[in-house]
Every structure is written in C-alpha cells, then in structure tokens.
Amino acid sequence: AVVMGRKTWESIPPKFRPLPGRTNVVLTRGGRDAILGGGSGAQEEDEVIVASSLSEASEKLQSSTNAALGEVFVIGGGQVYSEALSSGMVKRVLLTEVEEESLPEGTAEKFD
C-alpha cells in the first residue's frame, strides 16, 4: 500500500490514479468526495482508501479485506512524512538524494 496526502494524490495525473498494483490511501480532512470527486468510477473507488489521519489509515488498512497487504510506503507530502515519523509506526526510511539546484516545494525532516 502507499499512503499520501491530498496534494500528492492531486499531483499524480488522473490517468495514472490510483497507482496500480497496490492499495492507495489518501489522507484528507475533506472526505471521500474531495478525493474522488463523485464521478470517478467504481474501480477507482474500490482501490482507494480515504482517511483523515495516519492512525485512521492504519486501522482501515488492518481491517481491509486485502490479506496480502505487505509493506506500507508513505510517499508524501511533507505533513504526512512528519506525522509518520513522529507516530512511532515507521520501521525504516528509504531516502533518495537528488542533487538539484532548485529548492523543493515542501520541506522534510533532516536525515543523517
């Protein structure tokens, strides 16, 4: 499964949403309609879990019918990363460093 915030979800082009081959979890306070917009199609709705917090997302994933859940990856944005890191649920961090002159849109915690 992948867990992301609403803005990260919206940054994925609609034709690539939800990300295939995994359960997509979107964190938003706006509810399911804010993510799926009401006219999204049944297949997409079945592949997306909407939650208002990381703890709610964890509960929904654990109670989902997907017995082969496997690993859960937090893929952004900054607030979701911060919540995940402070939650005590993170077992490891996969960090990719990109050498680039421009500043990122958001900021993340510093890693050594």
PDB file of N, CA and C in Angstrom:
ATOM      1  N   ALA A   1       0.848  -1.186   0.000  1.00  0.00           N
ATOM      2  CA  ALA A   1       0.000   0.000   0.000  1.00  0.00           C
ATOM      3  C   ALA A   1       0.886   1.240   0.000  1.00  0.00           C
ATOM      4  N   VAL A   2       0.338   2.319  -0.523  1.00  0.00           N
ATOM      5  CA  VAL A   2       1.003   3.616  -0.464  1.00  0.00           C
ATOM      6  C   VAL A   2       0.072   4.593   0.247  1.00  0.00           C
ATOM      7  N   VAL A   3       0.662   5.426   1.098  1.00  0.00           N
ATOM      8  CA  VAL A   3      -0.093   6.432   1.842  1.00  0.00           C
ATOM      9  C   VAL A   3       0.408   7.794   1.398  1.00  0.00           C
ATOM     10  N   MET A   4      -0.528   8.687   1.089  1.00  0.00           N
ATOM     11  CA  MET A   4      -0.155  10.023   0.624  1.00  0.00           C
ATOM     12  C   MET A   4      -1.187  11.042   1.070  1.00  0.00           C
ATOM     13  N   GLY A   5      -0.783  12.295   1.052  1.00  0.00           N
ATOM     14  CA  GLY A   5      -1.705  13.381   1.330  1.00  0.00           C
ATOM     15  C   GLY A   5      -2.497  13.757   0.088  1.00  0.00           C
ATOM     16  N   ARG A   6      -3.493  14.602   0.282  1.00  0.00           N
ATOM     17  CA  ARG A   6      -4.367  15.018  -0.819  1.00  0.00           C
ATOM     18  C   ARG A   6      -3.593  15.699  -1.940  1.00  0.00           C
ATOM     19  N   LYS A   7      -2.660  16.581  -1.594  1.00  0.00           N
ATOM     20  CA  LYS A   7      -1.921  17.302  -2.633  1.00  0.00           C
ATOM     21  C   LYS A   7      -1.038  16.361  -3.449  1.00  0.00           C
ATOM     22  N   THR A   8      -0.455  15.369  -2.794  1.00  0.00           N
ATOM     23  CA  THR A   8       0.339  14.380  -3.529  1.00  0.00           C
ATOM     24  C   THR A   8      -0.562  13.601  -4.480  1.00  0.00           C
ATOM     25  N   TRP A   9      -1.739  13.191  -3.999  1.00  0.00           N
ATOM     26  CA  TRP A   9      -2.724  12.496  -4.845  1.00  0.00           C
ATOM     27  C   TRP A   9      -3.056  13.344  -6.069  1.00  0.00           C
ATOM     28  N   GLU A  10      -3.333  14.632  -5.843  1.00  0.00           N
ATOM     29  CA  GLU A  10      -3.720  15.517  -6.942  1.00  0.00           C
ATOM     30  C   GLU A  10      -2.569  15.779  -7.907  1.00  0.00           C
ATOM     31  N   SER A  11      -1.324  15.617  -7.447  1.00  0.00           N
ATOM     32  CA  SER A  11      -0.170  15.841  -8.322  1.00  0.00           C
ATOM     33  C   SER A  11       0.045  14.683  -9.302  1.00  0.00           C
ATOM     34  N   ILE A  12      -0.582  13.552  -9.041  1.00  0.00           N
ATOM     35  CA  ILE A  12      -0.491  12.400  -9.946  1.00  0.00           C
ATOM     36  C   ILE A  12      -1.517  12.615 -11.062  1.00  0.00           C
ATOM     37  N   PRO A  13      -1.094  12.564 -12.322  1.00  0.00           N
ATOM     38  CA  PRO A  13      -2.063  12.756 -13.409  1.00  0.00           C
ATOM     39  C   PRO A  13      -3.228  11.768 -13.284  1.00  0.00           C
ATOM     40  N   PRO A  14      -4.458  12.231 -13.501  1.00  0.00           N
ATOM     41  CA  PRO A  14      -5.638  11.377 -13.329  1.00  0.00           C
ATOM     42  C   PRO A  14      -5.560  10.027 -14.035  1.00  0.00           C
ATOM     43  N   LYS A  15      -4.931   9.984 -15.204  1.00  0.00           N
ATOM     44  CA  LYS A  15      -4.877   8.702 -15.918  1.00  0.00           C
ATOM     45  C   LYS A  15      -3.976   7.686 -15.218  1.00  0.00           C
ATOM     46  N   PHE A  16      -3.142   8.141 -14.267  1.00  0.00           N
ATOM     47  CA  PHE A  16      -2.264   7.235 -13.521  1.00  0.00           C
ATOM     48  C   PHE A  16      -2.766   6.977 -12.103  1.00  0.00           C
ATOM     49  N   ARG A  17      -3.942   7.521 -11.758  1.00  0.00           N
ATOM     50  CA  ARG A  17      -4.531   7.311 -10.434  1.00  0.00           C
ATOM     51  C   ARG A  17      -5.634   6.280 -10.517  1.00  0.00           C
ATOM     52  N   PRO A  18      -5.776   5.458  -9.531  1.00  0.00           N
ATOM     53  CA  PRO A  18      -4.838   5.229  -8.438  1.00  0.00           C
ATOM     54  C   PRO A  18      -3.592   4.505  -8.948  1.00  0.00           C
ATOM     55  N   LEU A  19      -2.504   4.580  -8.186  1.00  0.00           N
ATOM     56  CA  LEU A  19      -1.284   3.889  -8.576  1.00  0.00           C
ATOM     57  C   LEU A  19      -1.578   2.392  -8.636  1.00  0.00           C
ATOM     58  N   PRO A  20      -1.239   1.749  -9.737  1.00  0.00           N
ATOM     59  CA  PRO A  20      -1.641   0.348  -9.937  1.00  0.00           C
ATOM     60  C   PRO A  20      -0.865  -0.644  -9.068  1.00  0.00           C
ATOM     61  N   GLY A  21      -1.503  -1.763  -8.802  1.00  0.00           N
ATOM     62  CA  GLY A  21      -0.841  -2.866  -8.130  1.00  0.00           C
ATOM     63  C   GLY A  21      -0.678  -2.711  -6.638  1.00  0.00           C
ATOM     64  N   ARG A  22      -1.355  -1.749  -6.049  1.00  0.00           N
ATOM     65  CA  ARG A  22      -1.258  -1.523  -4.607  1.00  0.00           C
ATOM     66  C   ARG A  22      -2.487  -0.766  -4.132  1.00  0.00           C
ATOM     67  N   THR A  23      -2.765  -0.884  -2.861  1.00  0.00           N
ATOM     68  CA  THR A  23      -3.843  -0.098  -2.269  1.00  0.00           C
ATOM     69  C   THR A  23      -3.347   1.327  -2.105  1.00  0.00           C
ATOM     70  N   ASN A  24      -4.129   2.297  -2.539  1.00  0.00           N
ATOM     71  CA  ASN A  24      -3.795   3.710  -2.391  1.00  0.00           C
ATOM     72  C   ASN A  24      -4.584   4.271  -1.217  1.00  0.00           C
ATOM     73  N   VAL A  25      -3.884   4.912  -0.288  1.00  0.00           N
ATOM     74  CA  VAL A  25      -4.527   5.542   0.863  1.00  0.00           C
ATOM     75  C   VAL A  25      -4.257   7.034   0.769  1.00  0.00           C
ATOM     76  N   VAL A  26      -5.319   7.831   0.813  1.00  0.00           N
ATOM     77  CA  VAL A  26      -5.184   9.280   0.719  1.00  0.00           C
ATOM     78  C   VAL A  26      -5.676   9.894   2.018  1.00  0.00           C
ATOM     79  N   LEU A  27      -4.817  10.722   2.627  1.00  0.00           N
ATOM     80  CA  LEU A  27      -5.186  11.411   3.859  1.00  0.00           C
ATOM     81  C   LEU A  27      -5.724  12.793   3.523  1.00  0.00           C
ATOM     82  N   THR A  28      -6.929  13.078   4.000  1.00  0.00           N
ATOM     83  CA  THR A  28      -7.549  14.383   3.788  1.00  0.00           C
ATOM     84  C   THR A  28      -8.618  14.601   4.842  1.00  0.00           C
ATOM     85  N   ARG A  29      -8.828  15.858   5.203  1.00  0.00           N
ATOM     86  CA  ARG A  29      -9.928  16.174   6.102  1.00  0.00           C
ATOM     87  C   ARG A  29     -11.215  16.395   5.306  1.00  0.00           C
ATOM     88  N   GLY A  30     -11.100  16.451   3.975  1.00  0.00           N
ATOM     89  CA  GLY A  30     -12.237  16.750   3.108  1.00  0.00           C
ATOM     90  C   GLY A  30     -13.126  15.576   2.782  1.00  0.00           C
ATOM     91  N   GLY A  31     -12.774  14.391   3.190  1.00  0.00           N
ATOM     92  CA  GLY A  31     -13.607  13.226   2.927  1.00  0.00           C
ATOM     93  C   GLY A  31     -13.434  12.656   1.533  1.00  0.00           C
ATOM     94  N   ARG A  32     -14.152  11.585   1.279  1.00  0.00           N
ATOM     95  CA  ARG A  32     -14.040  10.825   0.031  1.00  0.00           C
ATOM     96  C   ARG A  32     -14.367  11.659  -1.207  1.00  0.00           C
ATOM     97  N   ASP A  33     -15.378  12.508  -1.133  1.00  0.00           N
ATOM     98  CA  ASP A  33     -15.745  13.317  -2.298  1.00  0.00           C
ATOM     99  C   ASP A  33     -14.643  14.299  -2.690  1.00  0.00           C
ATOM    100  N   ALA A  34     -13.863  14.779  -1.722  1.00  0.00           N
ATOM    101  CA  ALA A  34     -12.773  15.702  -2.021  1.00  0.00           C
ATOM    102  C   ALA A  34     -11.698  15.023  -2.863  1.00  0.00           C
ATOM    103  N   ILE A  35     -11.560  13.709  -2.714  1.00  0.00           N
ATOM    104  CA  ILE A  35     -10.542  12.960  -3.449  1.00  0.00           C
ATOM    105  C   ILE A  35     -11.084  12.409  -4.761  1.00  0.00           C
ATOM    106  N   LEU A  36     -12.233  11.790  -4.696  1.00  0.00           N
ATOM    107  CA  LEU A  36     -12.759  11.091  -5.868  1.00  0.00           C
ATOM    108  C   LEU A  36     -13.723  11.931  -6.685  1.00  0.00           C
ATOM    109  N   GLY A  37     -14.177  13.044  -6.135  1.00  0.00           N
ATOM    110  CA  GLY A  37     -14.982  13.983  -6.887  1.00  0.00           C
ATOM    111  C   GLY A  37     -16.345  13.511  -7.332  1.00  0.00           C
ATOM    112  N   GLY A  38     -16.810  12.404  -6.804  1.00  0.00           N
ATOM    113  CA  GLY A  38     -18.151  11.957  -7.118  1.00  0.00           C
ATOM    114  C   GLY A  38     -18.318  11.224  -8.434  1.00  0.00           C
ATOM    115  N   GLY A  39     -17.522  11.499  -9.457  1.00  0.00           N
ATOM    116  CA  GLY A  39     -17.728  10.836 -10.739  1.00  0.00           C
ATOM    117  C   GLY A  39     -16.530  10.059 -11.201  1.00  0.00           C
ATOM    118  N   SER A  40     -15.970   9.265 -10.325  1.00  0.00           N
ATOM    119  CA  SER A  40     -14.682   8.652 -10.621  1.00  0.00           C
ATOM    120  C   SER A  40     -14.746   7.246 -11.171  1.00  0.00           C
ATOM    121  N   GLY A  41     -15.826   6.540 -10.989  1.00  0.00           N
ATOM    122  CA  GLY A  41     -15.894   5.154 -11.445  1.00  0.00           C
ATOM    123  C   GLY A  41     -15.647   4.188 -10.309  1.00  0.00           C
ATOM    124  N   ALA A  42     -16.325   3.054 -10.354  1.00  0.00           N
ATOM    125  CA  ALA A  42     -16.293   2.094  -9.251  1.00  0.00           C
ATOM    126  C   ALA A  42     -14.923   1.491  -9.029  1.00  0.00           C
ATOM    127  N   GLN A  43     -14.180   1.212 -10.110  1.00  0.00           N
ATOM    128  CA  GLN A  43     -12.885   0.568  -9.933  1.00  0.00           C
ATOM    129  C   GLN A  43     -11.958   1.446  -9.102  1.00  0.00           C
ATOM    130  N   GLU A  44     -11.897   2.737  -9.407  1.00  0.00           N
ATOM    131  CA  GLU A  44     -11.034   3.635  -8.648  1.00  0.00           C
ATOM    132  C   GLU A  44     -11.470   3.703  -7.195  1.00  0.00           C
ATOM    133  N   GLU A  45     -12.754   3.793  -6.952  1.00  0.00           N
ATOM    134  CA  GLU A  45     -13.248   3.888  -5.584  1.00  0.00           C
ATOM    135  C   GLU A  45     -12.869   2.661  -4.767  1.00  0.00           C
ATOM    136  N   ASP A  46     -12.872   1.484  -5.386  1.00  0.00           N
ATOM    137  CA  ASP A  46     -12.507   0.259  -4.684  1.00  0.00           C
ATOM    138  C   ASP A  46     -11.024   0.208  -4.351  1.00  0.00           C
ATOM    139  N   GLU A  47     -10.191   0.900  -5.114  1.00  0.00           N
ATOM    140  CA  GLU A  47      -8.749   0.843  -4.934  1.00  0.00           C
ATOM    141  C   GLU A  47      -8.210   1.965  -4.063  1.00  0.00           C
ATOM    142  N   VAL A  48      -9.066   2.843  -3.566  1.00  0.00           N
ATOM    143  CA  VAL A  48      -8.626   3.992  -2.781  1.00  0.00           C
ATOM    144  C   VAL A  48      -9.300   3.978  -1.419  1.00  0.00           C
ATOM    145  N   ILE A  49      -8.468   4.090  -0.383  1.00  0.00           N
ATOM    146  CA  ILE A  49      -8.969   4.256   0.983  1.00  0.00           C
ATOM    147  C   ILE A  49      -8.747   5.710   1.350  1.00  0.00           C
ATOM    148  N   VAL A  50      -9.763   6.367   1.870  1.00  0.00           N
ATOM    149  CA  VAL A  50      -9.650   7.758   2.295  1.00  0.00           C
ATOM    150  C   VAL A  50      -9.730   7.790   3.812  1.00  0.00           C
ATOM    151  N   ALA A  51      -8.782   8.501   4.437  1.00  0.00           N
ATOM    152  CA  ALA A  51      -8.739   8.600   5.893  1.00  0.00           C
ATOM    153  C   ALA A  51      -8.384  10.026   6.284  1.00  0.00           C
ATOM    154  N   SER A  52      -8.734  10.404   7.504  1.00  0.00           N
ATOM    155  CA  SER A  52      -8.450  11.764   7.964  1.00  0.00           C
ATOM    156  C   SER A  52      -7.148  11.859   8.752  1.00  0.00           C
ATOM    157  N   SER A  53      -6.542  10.720   9.085  1.00  0.00           N
ATOM    158  CA  SER A  53      -5.283  10.727   9.835  1.00  0.00           C
ATOM    159  C   SER A  53      -4.513   9.444   9.544  1.00  0.00           C
ATOM    160  N   LEU A  54      -3.256   9.445   9.915  1.00  0.00           N
ATOM    161  CA  LEU A  54      -2.436   8.257   9.727  1.00  0.00           C
ATOM    162  C   LEU A  54      -2.933   7.099  10.584  1.00  0.00           C
ATOM    163  N   SER A  55      -3.369   7.392  11.799  1.00  0.00           N
ATOM    164  CA  SER A  55      -3.876   6.316  12.660  1.00  0.00           C
ATOM    165  C   SER A  55      -5.160   5.715  12.084  1.00  0.00           C
ATOM    166  N   GLU A  56      -6.043   6.549  11.532  1.00  0.00           N
ATOM    167  CA  GLU A  56      -7.252   6.021  10.890  1.00  0.00           C
ATOM    168  C   GLU A  56      -6.882   5.192   9.659  1.00  0.00           C
ATOM    169  N   ALA A  57      -5.898   5.656   8.896  1.00  0.00           N
ATOM    170  CA  ALA A  57      -5.449   4.903   7.725  1.00  0.00           C
ATOM    171  C   ALA A  57      -4.917   3.539   8.139  1.00  0.00           C
ATOM    172  N   SER A  58      -4.147   3.501   9.211  1.00  0.00           N
ATOM    173  CA  SER A  58      -3.602   2.237   9.713  1.00  0.00           C
ATOM    174  C   SER A  58      -4.717   1.276  10.107  1.00  0.00           C
ATOM    175  N   GLU A  59      -5.719   1.793  10.811  1.00  0.00           N
ATOM    176  CA  GLU A  59      -6.863   0.958  11.209  1.00  0.00           C
ATOM    177  C   GLU A  59      -7.600   0.413   9.987  1.00  0.00           C
ATOM    178  N   LYS A  60      -7.832   1.282   8.998  1.00  0.00           N
ATOM    179  CA  LYS A  60      -8.549   0.849   7.795  1.00  0.00           C
ATOM    180  C   LYS A  60      -7.750  -0.187   7.011  1.00  0.00           C
ATOM    181  N   LEU A  61      -6.436  -0.010   6.941  1.00  0.00           N
ATOM    182  CA  LEU A  61      -5.605  -0.983   6.236  1.00  0.00           C
ATOM    183  C   LEU A  61      -5.618  -2.332   6.944  1.00  0.00           C
ATOM    184  N   GLN A  62      -5.534  -2.305   8.264  1.00  0.00           N
ATOM    185  CA  GLN A  62      -5.525  -3.555   9.029  1.00  0.00           C
ATOM    186  C   GLN A  62      -6.855  -4.288   8.929  1.00  0.00           C
ATOM    187  N   SER A  63      -7.941  -3.548   8.785  1.00  0.00           N
ATOM    188  CA  SER A  63      -9.255  -4.190   8.714  1.00  0.00           C
ATOM    189  C   SER A  63      -9.716  -4.440   7.278  1.00  0.00           C
ATOM    190  N   SER A  64      -8.899  -4.030   6.306  1.00  0.00           N
ATOM    191  CA  SER A  64      -9.302  -4.228   4.909  1.00  0.00           C
ATOM    192  C   SER A  64      -9.260  -5.711   4.560  1.00  0.00           C
ATOM    193  N   THR A  65      -9.933  -6.053   3.497  1.00  0.00           N
ATOM    194  CA  THR A  65     -10.014  -7.454   3.081  1.00  0.00           C
ATOM    195  C   THR A  65      -8.759  -7.907   2.351  1.00  0.00           C
ATOM    196  N   ASN A  66      -7.812  -7.002   2.139  1.00  0.00           N
ATOM    197  CA  ASN A  66      -6.584  -7.336   1.427  1.00  0.00           C
ATOM    198  C   ASN A  66      -5.632  -8.071   2.368  1.00  0.00           C
ATOM    199  N   ALA A  67      -5.688  -9.395   2.364  1.00  0.00           N
ATOM    200  CA  ALA A  67      -4.886 -10.202   3.282  1.00  0.00           C
ATOM    201  C   ALA A  67      -3.393 -10.118   2.971  1.00  0.00           C
ATOM    202  N   ALA A  68      -3.030  -9.868   1.720  1.00  0.00           N
ATOM    203  CA  ALA A  68      -1.624  -9.808   1.330  1.00  0.00           C
ATOM    204  C   ALA A  68      -1.142  -8.366   1.267  1.00  0.00           C
ATOM    205  N   LEU A  69      -1.386  -7.607   2.303  1.00  0.00           N
ATOM    206  CA  LEU A  69      -1.070  -6.181   2.308  1.00  0.00           C
ATOM    207  C   LEU A  69       0.423  -5.932   2.157  1.00  0.00           C
ATOM    208  N   GLY A  70       1.263  -6.620   2.901  1.00  0.00           N
ATOM    209  CA  GLY A  70       2.706  -6.415   2.806  1.00  0.00           C
ATOM    210  C   GLY A  70       3.121  -5.089   3.404  1.00  0.00           C
ATOM    211  N   GLU A  71       4.125  -4.470   2.797  1.00  0.00           N
ATOM    212  CA  GLU A  71       4.661  -3.221   3.323  1.00  0.00           C
ATOM    213  C   GLU A  71       3.767  -2.039   2.951  1.00  0.00           C
ATOM    214  N   VAL A  72       3.855  -1.002   3.784  1.00  0.00           N
ATOM    215  CA  VAL A  72       3.125   0.236   3.543  1.00  0.00           C
ATOM    216  C   VAL A  72       4.166   1.337   3.382  1.00  0.00           C
ATOM    217  N   PHE A  73       4.083   2.079   2.289  1.00  0.00           N
ATOM    218  CA  PHE A  73       5.028   3.148   1.998  1.00  0.00           C
ATOM    219  C   PHE A  73       4.329   4.496   2.094  1.00  0.00           C
ATOM    220  N   VAL A  74       4.932   5.426   2.825  1.00  0.00           N
ATOM    221  CA  VAL A  74       4.444   6.806   2.883  1.00  0.00           C
ATOM    222  C   VAL A  74       5.181   7.552   1.782  1.00  0.00           C
ATOM    223  N   ILE A  75       4.431   8.119   0.822  1.00  0.00           N
ATOM    224  CA  ILE A  75       5.069   8.727  -0.347  1.00  0.00           C
ATOM    225  C   ILE A  75       4.915  10.247  -0.399  1.00  0.00           C
ATOM    226  N   GLY A  76       4.382  10.862   0.634  1.00  0.00           N
ATOM    227  CA  GLY A  76       4.325  12.312   0.679  1.00  0.00           C
ATOM    228  C   GLY A  76       2.940  12.828   0.973  1.00  0.00           C
ATOM    229  N   GLY A  77       2.892  14.032   1.193  1.00  0.00           N
ATOM    230  CA  GLY A  77       3.787  15.160   1.245  1.00  0.00           C
ATOM    231  C   GLY A  77       4.412  15.351   2.624  1.00  0.00           C
ATOM    232  N   GLY A  78       4.905  16.554   2.811  1.00  0.00           N
ATOM    233  CA  GLY A  78       5.671  16.889   3.996  1.00  0.00           C
ATOM    234  C   GLY A  78       4.949  16.652   5.308  1.00  0.00           C
ATOM    235  N   GLN A  79       3.684  17.053   5.395  1.00  0.00           N
ATOM    236  CA  GLN A  79       2.922  16.854   6.637  1.00  0.00           C
ATOM    237  C   GLN A  79       2.718  15.376   6.927  1.00  0.00           C
ATOM    238  N   VAL A  80       2.500  14.587   5.887  1.00  0.00           N
ATOM    239  CA  VAL A  80       2.298  13.149   6.072  1.00  0.00           C
ATOM    240  C   VAL A  80       3.602  12.504   6.527  1.00  0.00           C
ATOM    241  N   TYR A  81       4.739  12.915   5.930  1.00  0.00           N
ATOM    242  CA  TYR A  81       6.034  12.402   6.378  1.00  0.00           C
ATOM    243  C   TYR A  81       6.249  12.713   7.856  1.00  0.00           C
ATOM    244  N   SER A  82       6.017  13.962   8.240  1.00  0.00           N
ATOM    245  CA  SER A  82       6.224  14.365   9.639  1.00  0.00           C
ATOM    246  C   SER A  82       5.350  13.564  10.588  1.00  0.00           C
ATOM    247  N   GLU A  83       4.073  13.396  10.228  1.00  0.00           N
ATOM    248  CA  GLU A  83       3.164  12.627  11.075  1.00  0.00           C
ATOM    249  C   GLU A  83       3.634  11.177  11.186  1.00  0.00           C
ATOM    250  N   ALA A  84       4.073  10.605  10.074  1.00  0.00           N
ATOM    251  CA  ALA A  84       4.532   9.211  10.087  1.00  0.00           C
ATOM    252  C   ALA A  84       5.776   9.053  10.951  1.00  0.00           C
ATOM    253  N   LEU A  85       6.725   9.968  10.814  1.00  0.00           N
ATOM    254  CA  LEU A  85       7.970   9.864  11.575  1.00  0.00           C
ATOM    255  C   LEU A  85       7.745  10.042  13.070  1.00  0.00           C
ATOM    256  N   SER A  86       6.808  10.890  13.447  1.00  0.00           N
ATOM    257  CA  SER A  86       6.554  11.121  14.874  1.00  0.00           C
ATOM    258  C   SER A  86       5.590  10.095  15.472  1.00  0.00           C
ATOM    259  N   SER A  87       4.989   9.255  14.635  1.00  0.00           N
ATOM    260  CA  SER A  87       3.983   8.300  15.110  1.00  0.00           C
ATOM    261  C   SER A  87       4.571   7.066  15.779  1.00  0.00           C
ATOM    262  N   GLY A  88       5.811   6.762  15.491  1.00  0.00           N
ATOM    263  CA  GLY A  88       6.404   5.532  16.001  1.00  0.00           C
ATOM    264  C   GLY A  88       6.087   4.322  15.139  1.00  0.00           C
ATOM    265  N   MET A  89       5.358   4.507  14.041  1.00  0.00           N
ATOM    266  CA  MET A  89       4.991   3.394  13.161  1.00  0.00           C
ATOM    267  C   MET A  89       6.060   3.091  12.114  1.00  0.00           C
ATOM    268  N   VAL A  90       6.975   4.025  11.887  1.00  0.00           N
ATOM    269  CA  VAL A  90       7.970   3.866  10.823  1.00  0.00           C
ATOM    270  C   VAL A  90       9.071   2.921  11.282  1.00  0.00           C
ATOM    271  N   LYS A  91       9.329   1.896  10.478  1.00  0.00           N
ATOM    272  CA  LYS A  91      10.371   0.923  10.797  1.00  0.00           C
ATOM    273  C   LYS A  91      11.675   1.229  10.065  1.00  0.00           C
ATOM    274  N   ARG A  92      11.578   1.827   8.892  1.00  0.00           N
ATOM    275  CA  ARG A  92      12.780   2.214   8.156  1.00  0.00           C
ATOM    276  C   ARG A  92      12.431   3.334   7.181  1.00  0.00           C
ATOM    277  N   VAL A  93      13.461   4.062   6.772  1.00  0.00           N
ATOM    278  CA  VAL A  93      13.295   5.171   5.832  1.00  0.00           C
ATOM    279  C   VAL A  93      14.104   4.852   4.583  1.00  0.00           C
ATOM    280  N   LEU A  94      13.462   4.899   3.444  1.00  0.00           N
ATOM    281  CA  LEU A  94      14.145   4.772   2.158  1.00  0.00           C
ATOM    282  C   LEU A  94      14.304   6.190   1.625  1.00  0.00           C
ATOM    283  N   LEU A  95      15.526   6.681   1.630  1.00  0.00           N
ATOM    284  CA  LEU A  95      15.787   8.073   1.290  1.00  0.00           C
ATOM    285  C   LEU A  95      16.530   8.154  -0.031  1.00  0.00           C
ATOM    286  N   THR A  96      16.007   8.927  -0.949  1.00  0.00           N
ATOM    287  CA  THR A  96      16.664   9.170  -2.226  1.00  0.00           C
ATOM    288  C   THR A  96      17.174  10.597  -2.224  1.00  0.00           C
ATOM    289  N   GLU A  97      18.460  10.765  -2.500  1.00  0.00           N
ATOM    290  CA  GLU A  97      19.030  12.104  -2.584  1.00  0.00           C
ATOM    291  C   GLU A  97      19.156  12.488  -4.051  1.00  0.00           C
ATOM    292  N   VAL A  98      18.648  13.664  -4.383  1.00  0.00           N
ATOM    293  CA  VAL A  98      18.716  14.183  -5.741  1.00  0.00           C
ATOM    294  C   VAL A  98      19.510  15.473  -5.693  1.00  0.00           C
ATOM    295  N   GLU A  99      20.599  15.518  -6.452  1.00  0.00           N
ATOM    296  CA  GLU A  99      21.396  16.739  -6.490  1.00  0.00           C
ATOM    297  C   GLU A  99      20.751  17.697  -7.484  1.00  0.00           C
ATOM    298  N   GLU A 100      20.211  18.771  -6.949  1.00  0.00           N
ATOM    299  CA  GLU A 100      19.483  19.721  -7.782  1.00  0.00           C
ATOM    300  C   GLU A 100      19.661  21.105  -7.194  1.00  0.00           C
ATOM    301  N   GLU A 101      19.766  22.086  -8.055  1.00  0.00           N
ATOM    302  CA  GLU A 101      19.956  23.465  -7.625  1.00  0.00           C
ATOM    303  C   GLU A 101      18.684  24.093  -7.068  1.00  0.00           C
ATOM    304  N   SER A 102      17.524  23.712  -7.593  1.00  0.00           N
ATOM    305  CA  SER A 102      16.279  24.358  -7.169  1.00  0.00           C
ATOM    306  C   SER A 102      15.810  23.818  -5.826  1.00  0.00           C
ATOM    307  N   LEU A 103      15.038  24.625  -5.129  1.00  0.00           N
ATOM    308  CA  LEU A 103      14.500  24.229  -3.837  1.00  0.00           C
ATOM    309  C   LEU A 103      13.217  23.434  -4.025  1.00  0.00           C
ATOM    310  N   PRO A 104      12.994  22.431  -3.183  1.00  0.00           N
ATOM    311  CA  PRO A 104      11.751  21.657  -3.291  1.00  0.00           C
ATOM    312  C   PRO A 104      10.554  22.484  -2.842  1.00  0.00           C
ATOM    313  N   GLU A 105       9.354  22.043  -3.247  1.00  0.00           N
ATOM    314  CA  GLU A 105       8.121  22.724  -2.850  1.00  0.00           C
ATOM    315  C   GLU A 105       7.905  22.663  -1.354  1.00  0.00           C
ATOM    316  N   GLY A 106       8.140  21.509  -0.779  1.00  0.00           N
ATOM    317  CA  GLY A 106       7.945  21.312   0.655  1.00  0.00           C
ATOM    318  C   GLY A 106       9.274  21.014   1.308  1.00  0.00           C
ATOM    319  N   THR A 107       9.255  20.932   2.602  1.00  0.00           N
ATOM    320  CA  THR A 107      10.470  20.573   3.312  1.00  0.00           C
ATOM    321  C   THR A 107      10.211  19.318   4.116  1.00  0.00           C
ATOM    322  N   ALA A 108      11.241  18.556   4.289  1.00  0.00           N
ATOM    323  CA  ALA A 108      11.142  17.325   5.067  1.00  0.00           C
ATOM    324  C   ALA A 108      12.141  17.395   6.210  1.00  0.00           C
ATOM    325  N   GLU A 109      12.021  16.473   7.115  1.00  0.00           N
ATOM    326  CA  GLU A 109      12.946  16.407   8.229  1.00  0.00           C
ATOM    327  C   GLU A 109      14.349  16.124   7.709  1.00  0.00           C
ATOM    328  N   LYS A 110      15.359  16.558   8.471  1.00  0.00           N
ATOM    329  CA  LYS A 110      16.751  16.294   8.115  1.00  0.00           C
ATOM    330  C   LYS A 110      17.116  14.875   8.517  1.00  0.00           C
ATOM    331  N   PHE A 111      17.842  14.188   7.640  1.00  0.00           N
ATOM    332  CA  PHE A 111      18.327  12.842   7.932  1.00  0.00           C
ATOM    333  C   PHE A 111      19.838  12.851   7.859  1.00  0.00           C
ATOM    334  N   ASP A 112      20.459  12.093   8.737  1.00  0.00           N
ATOM    335  CA  ASP A 112      21.926  11.972   8.713  1.00  0.00           C
ATOM    336  C   ASP A 112      22.348  10.727   7.981  1.00  0.00           C
TER     337      ASP A 112
END
